[in-house]
Structure formats: C-alpha cells, structure tokens
Amino acid sequence: MVQVLVGTVRLIMMVKGNKLLTSIIGFFEGAIAITVTITIVSNVVKSGMNIFMVLFYALGFAVGLYFGVLISSKISRDMLSVNIVTRSFDINIEDVLREQGFGVTCYKGSGKDGDLRILNVVCKKTNLEKLKLLVQEIDSNAMVTSHTLVGLSGGFIFDIKGRI
C-alpha cells in the first residue's frame, strides 16, 4: 500500500514538473519497492504461493492508489481555467457567478448554429464543483470545460481575497 501511495504522489509531482521532489520521492519509492519485493519473494520461497498473499497484495495496491489520489488532491494547489459556452443571452450567468465571488471574463463567439457566449473563469481546482453546479442551475445546456494553468500571474482568483 505504501509503495503505491508514494508512487502515485511521485507521478503527480512529476507531471507538475517538480524535478527535485520527484527525485526525492523516487528514491524512497525505490527503497520501498526493493524491500517489498524481497519480503514477498522470501515468503513465497518459504511457504509457497498463497492466494491470500496475492489478494492482500492486490488489496494493498488498491488502497494505496486510493490514499495516494486522496493525498494528492489535498496537497494540490492547481489553478484551472474554466470555459463556459452558452447560447443563452437572456440570462446573465456572469452576473450570478460574480455575485458568488468568481471573476468572469466574457467573449462573444459564433458556432455552427449561431451566436454564443464564452465565459472564462480562473479558480482553484477545489472550487470547480461549486462553479459547475452554479452553471448547471442557470443553464443546463451550457458546456463547461477546464484545464490546468501553469505560470499564472495577475488577475482575480475566486476564494483568494484581493488581487494576485
């Protein structure tokens, strides 16, 4: 379980480009992997292959993944750029979002079926569900997409008081 938990956190740090922390975590992951492998192989040599050993290893693997993702979501400080595409011009989604504390930038656009509005919101990953629920309540047909931002500077961010 610990090996998988550490590996999950290492992978997330690697994807985020944190080279030093990835290397440090990788060192410990390697030490844990060798220890686990030696322990398992020695147990198999002593007592033979046991179905319970396989099941418990698989269970530990699954639990390690679960806790690894849970921990990474808690330590994650990811910022997202969220685009909301709507055909609704009679309801001002941006006003409702601003009343709820989100900063919103609006664009006019056109698609295959005519004019549309594109709203862009920058927020923490932890606020994405709240944002999506608000948009769904206002316009159930709106399309909501998001992607992680890297190198953010300046602007208004929801749930961070004032300006950056």
C-alpha atoms as a PDB file:
ATOM      1  CA  MET A   1       0.000   0.000   0.000  1.00  0.00           C
ATOM      2  CA  VAL A   2       2.731   2.477   0.974  1.00  0.00           C
ATOM      3  CA  GLN A   3       4.670   1.766  -2.217  1.00  0.00           C
ATOM      4  CA  VAL A   4       1.662   2.573  -4.406  1.00  0.00           C
ATOM      5  CA  LEU A   5       0.723   5.629  -2.338  1.00  0.00           C
ATOM      6  CA  VAL A   6       4.258   7.020  -2.679  1.00  0.00           C
ATOM      7  CA  GLY A   7       4.311   6.143  -6.393  1.00  0.00           C
ATOM      8  CA  THR A   8       1.042   7.974  -7.013  1.00  0.00           C
ATOM      9  CA  VAL A   9       2.275  11.129  -5.287  1.00  0.00           C
ATOM     10  CA  ARG A  10       5.598  10.883  -7.178  1.00  0.00           C
ATOM     11  CA  LEU A  11       3.799  10.606 -10.506  1.00  0.00           C
ATOM     12  CA  ILE A  12       1.674  13.663  -9.776  1.00  0.00           C
ATOM     13  CA  MET A  13       4.740  15.685  -8.784  1.00  0.00           C
ATOM     14  CA  MET A  14       6.486  14.525 -11.972  1.00  0.00           C
ATOM     15  CA  VAL A  15       3.563  15.599 -14.163  1.00  0.00           C
ATOM     16  CA  LYS A  16       3.615  19.005 -12.452  1.00  0.00           C
ATOM     17  CA  GLY A  17       7.306  19.330 -13.332  1.00  0.00           C
ATOM     18  CA  ASN A  18       8.663  19.302  -9.780  1.00  0.00           C
ATOM     19  CA  LYS A  19      12.011  17.604 -10.532  1.00  0.00           C
ATOM     20  CA  LEU A  20      13.668  17.745  -7.116  1.00  0.00           C
ATOM     21  CA  LEU A  21      10.667  16.496  -5.148  1.00  0.00           C
ATOM     22  CA  THR A  22      10.039  13.797  -7.758  1.00  0.00           C
ATOM     23  CA  SER A  23      13.616  12.563  -7.386  1.00  0.00           C
ATOM     24  CA  ILE A  24      13.450  12.519  -3.593  1.00  0.00           C
ATOM     25  CA  ILE A  25      10.136  10.656  -3.577  1.00  0.00           C
ATOM     26  CA  GLY A  26      11.501   8.292  -6.260  1.00  0.00           C
ATOM     27  CA  PHE A  27      14.459   7.419  -4.031  1.00  0.00           C
ATOM     28  CA  PHE A  28      12.155   6.371  -1.205  1.00  0.00           C
ATOM     29  CA  GLU A  29       9.809   4.599  -3.622  1.00  0.00           C
ATOM     30  CA  GLY A  30      12.745   2.534  -4.912  1.00  0.00           C
ATOM     31  CA  ALA A  31      13.822   1.585  -1.381  1.00  0.00           C
ATOM     32  CA  ILE A  32      10.260   0.573  -0.510  1.00  0.00           C
ATOM     33  CA  ALA A  33       9.910  -1.428  -3.760  1.00  0.00           C
ATOM     34  CA  ILE A  34      13.086  -3.419  -3.086  1.00  0.00           C
ATOM     35  CA  THR A  35      12.002  -4.116   0.499  1.00  0.00           C
ATOM     36  CA  VAL A  36       8.514  -5.247  -0.578  1.00  0.00           C
ATOM     37  CA  THR A  37       9.913  -7.431  -3.385  1.00  0.00           C
ATOM     38  CA  ILE A  38      12.443  -9.142  -1.124  1.00  0.00           C
ATOM     39  CA  THR A  39       9.774  -9.738   1.525  1.00  0.00           C
ATOM     40  CA  ILE A  40       7.304 -11.229  -0.965  1.00  0.00           C
ATOM     41  CA  VAL A  41       9.896 -13.425  -2.703  1.00  0.00           C
ATOM     42  CA  SER A  42      11.241 -14.746   0.613  1.00  0.00           C
ATOM     43  CA  ASN A  43       7.700 -15.563   1.804  1.00  0.00           C
ATOM     44  CA  VAL A  44       6.930 -17.387  -1.462  1.00  0.00           C
ATOM     45  CA  VAL A  45      10.170 -19.387  -1.175  1.00  0.00           C
ATOM     46  CA  LYS A  46       9.415 -20.302   2.457  1.00  0.00           C
ATOM     47  CA  SER A  47       5.737 -21.172   2.233  1.00  0.00           C
ATOM     48  CA  GLY A  48       4.917 -21.420  -1.462  1.00  0.00           C
ATOM     49  CA  MET A  49       2.460 -19.360  -3.470  1.00  0.00           C
ATOM     50  CA  ASN A  50      -0.634 -18.446  -1.473  1.00  0.00           C
ATOM     51  CA  ILE A  51      -3.827 -16.996  -2.965  1.00  0.00           C
ATOM     52  CA  PHE A  52      -4.336 -14.871   0.162  1.00  0.00           C
ATOM     53  CA  MET A  53      -0.916 -13.275  -0.344  1.00  0.00           C
ATOM     54  CA  VAL A  54      -1.944 -12.285  -3.872  1.00  0.00           C
ATOM     55  CA  LEU A  55      -5.327 -10.972  -2.723  1.00  0.00           C
ATOM     56  CA  PHE A  56      -3.853  -8.945   0.132  1.00  0.00           C
ATOM     57  CA  TYR A  57      -1.155  -7.504  -2.126  1.00  0.00           C
ATOM     58  CA  ALA A  58      -3.864  -6.504  -4.637  1.00  0.00           C
ATOM     59  CA  LEU A  59      -5.941  -5.009  -1.838  1.00  0.00           C
ATOM     60  CA  GLY A  60      -2.917  -3.054  -0.583  1.00  0.00           C
ATOM     61  CA  PHE A  61      -2.276  -1.845  -4.123  1.00  0.00           C
ATOM     62  CA  ALA A  62      -5.873  -0.579  -4.485  1.00  0.00           C
ATOM     63  CA  VAL A  63      -5.882   1.070  -1.055  1.00  0.00           C
ATOM     64  CA  GLY A  64      -2.528   2.701  -1.835  1.00  0.00           C
ATOM     65  CA  LEU A  65      -3.932   4.167  -5.047  1.00  0.00           C
ATOM     66  CA  TYR A  66      -6.995   5.471  -3.239  1.00  0.00           C
ATOM     67  CA  PHE A  67      -4.996   7.176  -0.497  1.00  0.00           C
ATOM     68  CA  GLY A  68      -2.403   8.448  -2.988  1.00  0.00           C
ATOM     69  CA  VAL A  69      -5.079  10.225  -5.016  1.00  0.00           C
ATOM     70  CA  LEU A  70      -6.737  11.481  -1.833  1.00  0.00           C
ATOM     71  CA  ILE A  71      -3.474  12.924  -0.515  1.00  0.00           C
ATOM     72  CA  SER A  72      -2.563  14.479  -3.859  1.00  0.00           C
ATOM     73  CA  SER A  73      -5.960  16.180  -4.074  1.00  0.00           C
ATOM     74  CA  LYS A  74      -5.405  17.638  -0.594  1.00  0.00           C
ATOM     75  CA  ILE A  75      -1.921  18.981  -1.379  1.00  0.00           C
ATOM     76  CA  SER A  76      -2.825  20.084  -4.881  1.00  0.00           C
ATOM     77  CA  ARG A  77      -2.966  23.798  -5.409  1.00  0.00           C
ATOM     78  CA  ASP A  78      -3.927  23.518  -9.048  1.00  0.00           C
ATOM     79  CA  MET A  79      -5.467  26.525 -10.697  1.00  0.00           C
ATOM     80  CA  LEU A  80      -7.916  25.951 -13.518  1.00  0.00           C
ATOM     81  CA  SER A  81      -9.109  27.945 -16.463  1.00  0.00           C
ATOM     82  CA  VAL A  82     -12.785  27.099 -16.905  1.00  0.00           C
ATOM     83  CA  ASN A  83     -14.633  27.917 -20.114  1.00  0.00           C
ATOM     84  CA  ILE A  84     -18.416  28.065 -20.108  1.00  0.00           C
ATOM     85  CA  VAL A  85     -20.022  28.101 -23.536  1.00  0.00           C
ATOM     86  CA  THR A  86     -23.689  29.093 -23.632  1.00  0.00           C
ATOM     87  CA  ARG A  87     -26.261  30.067 -26.229  1.00  0.00           C
ATOM     88  CA  SER A  88     -28.354  31.803 -23.570  1.00  0.00           C
ATOM     89  CA  PHE A  89     -28.357  35.573 -23.960  1.00  0.00           C
ATOM     90  CA  ASP A  90     -31.387  36.274 -21.759  1.00  0.00           C
ATOM     91  CA  ILE A  91     -29.771  35.108 -18.507  1.00  0.00           C
ATOM     92  CA  ASN A  92     -26.515  36.726 -17.433  1.00  0.00           C
ATOM     93  CA  ILE A  93     -24.605  33.784 -15.999  1.00  0.00           C
ATOM     94  CA  GLU A  94     -21.638  36.051 -15.408  1.00  0.00           C
ATOM     95  CA  ASP A  95     -23.626  38.247 -13.006  1.00  0.00           C
ATOM     96  CA  VAL A  96     -24.624  35.258 -10.875  1.00  0.00           C
ATOM     97  CA  LEU A  97     -21.061  33.935 -10.872  1.00  0.00           C
ATOM     98  CA  ARG A  98     -19.691  37.342  -9.894  1.00  0.00           C
ATOM     99  CA  GLU A  99     -22.242  37.571  -7.047  1.00  0.00           C
ATOM    100  CA  GLN A 100     -20.851  34.240  -5.829  1.00  0.00           C
ATOM    101  CA  GLY A 101     -17.298  35.625  -5.856  1.00  0.00           C
ATOM    102  CA  PHE A 102     -15.975  34.312  -9.177  1.00  0.00           C
ATOM    103  CA  GLY A 103     -14.106  36.577 -11.578  1.00  0.00           C
ATOM    104  CA  VAL A 104     -15.554  36.216 -15.071  1.00  0.00           C
ATOM    105  CA  THR A 105     -14.328  37.361 -18.470  1.00  0.00           C
ATOM    106  CA  CYS A 106     -16.901  37.256 -21.301  1.00  0.00           C
ATOM    107  CA  TYR A 107     -16.380  36.807 -25.027  1.00  0.00           C
ATOM    108  CA  LYS A 108     -18.783  36.739 -27.953  1.00  0.00           C
ATOM    109  CA  GLY A 109     -18.449  33.845 -30.321  1.00  0.00           C
ATOM    110  CA  SER A 110     -20.152  32.073 -33.162  1.00  0.00           C
ATOM    111  CA  GLY A 111     -20.659  28.397 -33.784  1.00  0.00           C
ATOM    112  CA  LYS A 112     -22.323  26.145 -36.309  1.00  0.00           C
ATOM    113  CA  ASP A 113     -25.775  27.059 -35.025  1.00  0.00           C
ATOM    114  CA  GLY A 114     -25.260  30.777 -34.448  1.00  0.00           C
ATOM    115  CA  ASP A 115     -24.063  33.221 -31.820  1.00  0.00           C
ATOM    116  CA  LEU A 116     -22.901  32.149 -28.392  1.00  0.00           C
ATOM    117  CA  ARG A 117     -21.172  33.480 -25.315  1.00  0.00           C
ATOM    118  CA  ILE A 118     -17.929  32.175 -23.867  1.00  0.00           C
ATOM    119  CA  LEU A 119     -17.232  32.905 -20.226  1.00  0.00           C
ATOM    120  CA  ASN A 120     -13.811  32.288 -18.739  1.00  0.00           C
ATOM    121  CA  VAL A 121     -13.294  31.782 -15.005  1.00  0.00           C
ATOM    122  CA  VAL A 122      -9.972  31.133 -13.269  1.00  0.00           C
ATOM    123  CA  CYS A 123     -10.404  29.295  -9.975  1.00  0.00           C
ATOM    124  CA  LYS A 124      -8.856  26.708  -7.689  1.00  0.00           C
ATOM    125  CA  LYS A 125      -9.493  23.082  -8.556  1.00  0.00           C
ATOM    126  CA  THR A 126     -11.338  22.721  -5.260  1.00  0.00           C
ATOM    127  CA  ASN A 127     -13.948  25.275  -6.439  1.00  0.00           C
ATOM    128  CA  LEU A 128     -14.693  23.581  -9.760  1.00  0.00           C
ATOM    129  CA  GLU A 129     -17.669  21.561  -8.495  1.00  0.00           C
ATOM    130  CA  LYS A 130     -19.289  24.653  -6.961  1.00  0.00           C
ATOM    131  CA  LEU A 131     -18.824  26.508 -10.259  1.00  0.00           C
ATOM    132  CA  LYS A 132     -20.261  23.644 -12.308  1.00  0.00           C
ATOM    133  CA  LEU A 133     -23.302  23.368 -10.025  1.00  0.00           C
ATOM    134  CA  LEU A 134     -23.990  27.102 -10.329  1.00  0.00           C
ATOM    135  CA  VAL A 135     -23.749  26.961 -14.120  1.00  0.00           C
ATOM    136  CA  GLN A 136     -25.958  23.841 -14.277  1.00  0.00           C
ATOM    137  CA  GLU A 137     -28.645  25.586 -12.191  1.00  0.00           C
ATOM    138  CA  ILE A 138     -28.640  28.593 -14.512  1.00  0.00           C
ATOM    139  CA  ASP A 139     -28.204  26.913 -17.908  1.00  0.00           C
ATOM    140  CA  SER A 140     -28.383  23.131 -18.076  1.00  0.00           C
ATOM    141  CA  ASN A 141     -27.312  23.215 -21.737  1.00  0.00           C
ATOM    142  CA  ALA A 142     -24.082  25.147 -21.124  1.00  0.00           C
ATOM    143  CA  MET A 143     -20.848  23.355 -21.942  1.00  0.00           C
ATOM    144  CA  VAL A 144     -18.195  23.555 -19.225  1.00  0.00           C
ATOM    145  CA  THR A 145     -14.565  22.665 -19.894  1.00  0.00           C
ATOM    146  CA  SER A 146     -11.487  23.131 -17.747  1.00  0.00           C
ATOM    147  CA  HIS A 147      -7.737  22.768 -17.949  1.00  0.00           C
ATOM    148  CA  THR A 148      -4.882  23.252 -15.518  1.00  0.00           C
ATOM    149  CA  LEU A 149      -2.996  26.534 -15.660  1.00  0.00           C
ATOM    150  CA  VAL A 150       0.775  26.793 -15.397  1.00  0.00           C
ATOM    151  CA  GLY A 151       2.647  30.033 -14.797  1.00  0.00           C
ATOM    152  CA  LEU A 152      -0.333  32.095 -13.664  1.00  0.00           C
ATOM    153  CA  SER A 153       0.315  35.695 -12.662  1.00  0.00           C
ATOM    154  CA  GLY A 154      -2.021  38.626 -12.058  1.00  0.00           C
ATOM    155  CA  GLY A 155      -5.799  38.790 -12.177  1.00  0.00           C
ATOM    156  CA  PHE A 156      -8.685  37.982  -9.850  1.00  0.00           C
ATOM    157  CA  ILE A 157      -8.983  34.456  -8.459  1.00  0.00           C
ATOM    158  CA  PHE A 158     -12.072  33.098  -6.681  1.00  0.00           C
ATOM    159  CA  ASP A 159     -11.557  32.311  -2.998  1.00  0.00           C
ATOM    160  CA  ILE A 160      -8.348  34.345  -2.840  1.00  0.00           C
ATOM    161  CA  LYS A 161      -9.079  37.728  -1.401  1.00  0.00           C
ATOM    162  CA  GLY A 162      -7.929  40.688  -3.432  1.00  0.00           C
ATOM    163  CA  ARG A 163      -5.632  40.660  -6.394  1.00  0.00           C
ATOM    164  CA  ILE A 164      -2.619  38.481  -7.065  1.00  0.00           C
END
